[in-house]
Protein backbone atom coordinates (compact mmCIF):
# COMPACT_ATOMS: atom_id res chain seq x y z
CA MET A 1 0.00 0.00 0.00
CA LYS A 2 1.12 3.53 -0.73
CA TRP A 3 0.14 6.89 0.72
CA TYR A 4 -1.87 9.41 -1.29
CA VAL A 5 -3.16 12.91 -0.58
CA ALA A 6 -6.80 13.71 -1.33
CA HIS A 7 -8.16 17.25 -1.57
CA THR A 8 -11.42 17.85 0.32
CA TYR A 9 -13.89 20.62 0.91
CA ALA A 10 -12.73 23.02 3.61
CA SER A 11 -13.49 21.86 7.17
CA HIS A 12 -14.87 18.49 6.00
CA GLU A 13 -11.72 16.44 6.67
CA PHE A 14 -12.98 14.58 9.75
CA LYS A 15 -16.46 13.99 8.25
CA ILE A 16 -14.90 12.51 5.11
CA LYS A 17 -12.54 10.31 7.10
CA GLU A 18 -15.50 8.89 9.06
CA ALA A 19 -17.55 8.45 5.87
CA ILE A 20 -14.75 6.48 4.19
CA LEU A 21 -14.24 4.29 7.26
CA ARG A 22 -18.00 3.58 7.47
CA GLY A 23 -18.22 2.97 3.73
CA ILE A 24 -15.52 0.30 3.63
CA GLN A 25 -16.83 -1.75 6.57
CA GLY A 26 -17.78 -5.22 5.39
CA THR A 27 -16.59 -4.66 1.80
CA GLU A 28 -13.55 -5.83 -0.18
CA PHE A 29 -12.16 -2.29 0.17
CA GLU A 30 -11.45 -2.92 3.86
CA SER A 31 -8.21 -4.72 2.95
CA LYS A 32 -7.25 -2.12 0.31
CA ILE A 33 -7.56 1.03 2.44
CA GLY A 34 -5.32 1.40 5.48
CA GLN A 35 -4.90 4.42 7.71
CA ILE A 36 -6.41 7.83 7.04
CA LEU A 37 -4.45 10.71 8.57
CA ILE A 38 -5.40 14.29 9.29
CA PRO A 39 -2.23 15.77 10.87
CA THR A 40 -3.09 18.12 13.71
CA GLN A 41 -1.16 20.08 16.30
CA LYS A 42 -2.21 21.04 19.82
CA THR A 43 -2.32 24.78 20.38
CA PHE A 44 -3.29 26.86 23.38
CA HIS A 45 -5.30 30.05 23.48
CA ILE A 46 -6.14 32.36 26.35
CA ARG A 47 -9.90 32.88 26.57
CA ASP A 48 -11.47 34.72 29.50
CA GLY A 49 -8.18 34.43 31.40
CA LYS A 50 -8.03 30.62 31.07
CA LYS A 51 -5.86 28.37 28.92
CA VAL A 52 -7.94 26.60 26.28
CA GLU A 53 -6.42 23.68 24.38
CA ARG A 54 -7.34 23.32 20.72
CA GLU A 55 -6.38 21.01 17.85
CA LYS A 56 -5.29 22.84 14.72
CA LYS A 57 -5.13 21.10 11.33
CA LEU A 58 -1.71 21.42 9.72
CA PHE A 59 -2.98 20.89 6.16
CA ASN A 60 -6.43 22.41 5.68
CA SER A 61 -8.59 20.69 3.05
CA TYR A 62 -6.34 17.61 2.74
CA ILE A 63 -6.42 14.06 4.07
CA ILE A 64 -3.67 11.47 3.69
CA ILE A 65 -4.87 7.99 2.76
CA GLU A 66 -2.91 4.73 2.83
CA ALA A 67 -4.35 2.60 0.04
CA ASP A 68 -3.77 0.02 -2.66
CA LEU A 69 -5.16 2.38 -5.28
CA THR A 70 -6.84 0.08 -7.78
CA PRO A 71 -9.29 1.70 -10.22
CA GLU A 72 -12.20 0.54 -8.02
CA VAL A 73 -10.70 2.07 -4.85
CA TYR A 74 -9.86 5.25 -6.77
CA SER A 75 -13.47 5.54 -7.97
CA PHE A 76 -14.85 4.75 -4.50
CA ILE A 77 -12.77 7.49 -2.81
CA LEU A 78 -13.41 10.08 -5.53
CA GLY A 79 -17.14 9.26 -5.35
CA MET A 80 -17.29 10.27 -1.68
CA PRO A 81 -19.11 13.56 -1.18
CA GLY A 82 -16.60 16.25 -0.24
CA ILE A 83 -13.55 14.84 -2.04
CA THR A 84 -12.56 16.84 -5.10
CA ASN A 85 -9.45 15.00 -6.37
CA PHE A 86 -6.10 13.42 -5.53
CA LEU A 87 -2.80 15.27 -5.70
CA GLY A 88 -0.94 14.37 -8.87
CA SER A 89 -1.89 14.48 -12.51
CA ARG A 90 -5.55 14.43 -13.52
CA LYS A 91 -5.94 10.66 -14.00
CA LYS A 92 -2.94 9.38 -12.04
CA PRO A 93 -2.58 10.24 -8.35
CA GLN A 94 1.00 10.74 -7.19
CA PRO A 95 2.00 8.62 -4.14
CA LEU A 96 4.05 10.27 -1.41
CA SER A 97 7.74 9.43 -1.07
CA GLU A 98 9.18 7.53 1.89
CA ASN A 99 10.75 10.72 3.32
CA GLU A 100 7.43 12.55 3.15
CA ILE A 101 5.70 9.65 4.91
CA LYS A 102 8.29 9.59 7.69
CA LYS A 103 7.82 13.32 8.25
CA LEU A 104 4.02 13.00 8.28
CA LEU A 105 4.08 10.06 10.69
CA GLY A 106 6.51 12.03 12.87
CA ILE A 107 4.05 14.94 12.95
CA THR A 108 1.22 12.61 13.93
CA ASP A 109 3.24 10.91 16.70
CA ARG A 110 4.87 14.10 18.00
CA GLY A 111 1.99 15.09 20.25
CA LYS A 112 1.80 11.67 21.90
CA ASP A 113 5.26 11.66 23.46
CA THR A 114 5.80 15.35 24.14
CA PRO A 115 7.95 15.70 27.25
CA GLU A 116 6.32 17.42 30.18
CA GLU A 117 9.33 19.67 30.74
CA TYR A 118 7.64 22.37 28.65
CA LYS A 119 5.03 23.33 31.18
CA PHE A 120 4.79 26.92 29.96
CA ILE A 121 2.77 28.47 27.17
CA PRO A 122 2.83 32.00 25.74
CA GLY A 123 0.85 34.32 28.00
CA ASP A 124 1.87 32.64 31.28
CA MET A 125 3.10 34.81 34.15
CA VAL A 126 6.54 33.71 35.39
CA LYS A 127 9.21 34.85 37.82
CA ILE A 128 12.84 34.83 36.76
CA ILE A 129 14.77 33.07 39.56
CA SER A 130 18.38 33.33 38.33
CA GLY A 131 20.59 35.36 36.04
CA PRO A 132 20.86 39.13 35.58
CA PHE A 133 17.07 39.59 35.64
CA SER A 134 16.40 37.51 38.77
CA ASP A 135 13.36 38.57 40.83
CA PHE A 136 11.71 40.13 37.75
CA ASP A 137 8.17 39.03 36.88
CA GLY A 138 7.04 38.86 33.29
CA ILE A 139 4.79 37.32 30.68
CA ILE A 140 6.03 34.66 28.28
CA GLU A 141 6.01 35.95 24.72
CA LYS A 142 7.73 33.10 22.82
CA ILE A 143 9.04 29.61 23.50
CA ASN A 144 12.07 28.26 21.65
CA LYS A 145 11.97 24.52 22.33
CA GLU A 146 15.05 23.75 20.24
CA HIS A 147 17.30 25.97 22.36
CA GLN A 148 15.20 25.58 25.53
CA LYS A 149 14.78 29.33 25.93
CA LEU A 150 11.88 31.65 26.65
CA THR A 151 11.34 35.23 25.54
CA ILE A 152 9.72 37.07 28.43
CA LYS A 153 8.35 40.63 28.53
CA VAL A 154 9.55 42.31 31.71
CA THR A 155 9.23 45.91 32.86
CA VAL A 156 12.64 47.60 33.22
CA PHE A 157 12.67 51.29 34.24
CA GLY A 158 9.00 51.60 33.31
CA ARG A 159 9.42 50.15 29.80
CA ILE A 160 8.36 46.71 28.62
CA THR A 161 11.48 44.89 27.40
CA PRO A 162 11.76 41.39 25.88
CA VAL A 163 14.35 39.25 27.69
CA GLU A 164 15.58 35.80 26.65
CA VAL A 165 16.21 33.30 29.46
CA LYS A 166 16.70 29.54 29.76
CA LEU A 167 13.83 27.30 30.81
CA ASP A 168 15.49 26.46 34.14
CA GLN A 169 15.79 30.17 35.06
CA VAL A 170 12.04 30.68 35.54
CA GLU A 171 9.21 29.41 37.66
CA SER A 172 5.44 29.82 37.39
CA ILE A 173 3.75 32.38 39.55
């Protein structure tokens, strides 16, 4: 089986995934269609002073389908309401390469094993506990997970100034 990308109507990705899964139950297509992915990422928003977690689709209007794309399976998927076409040429969908698949599967699995060491999100109030700005309070503006640093807005001499500190130099208030 290979992986293909299907274009869908906007905001219909999850409905189409469920429709395909329901449609193949008990048919010969069950063995020809594997996983259906809709890569998402967890994001946080501040609403009414509270953190609200939300899933954001990384590729709007696209679903990734693992399938043995015979002409019958191709017709079945294209016949689903909400699917417009496959990526590739008009009559021949283009399968994804192995590297693209590894990246996509990495995106899908990334949220499952996220370490808990990043317990901050932008908008959190923190106190700097070490370094030249120790004892300053501020609000997290950005998080750089690669370098394990935070950009915090602190007030210095009456002016709001962004300061970059390491993760272990702050604590939640």
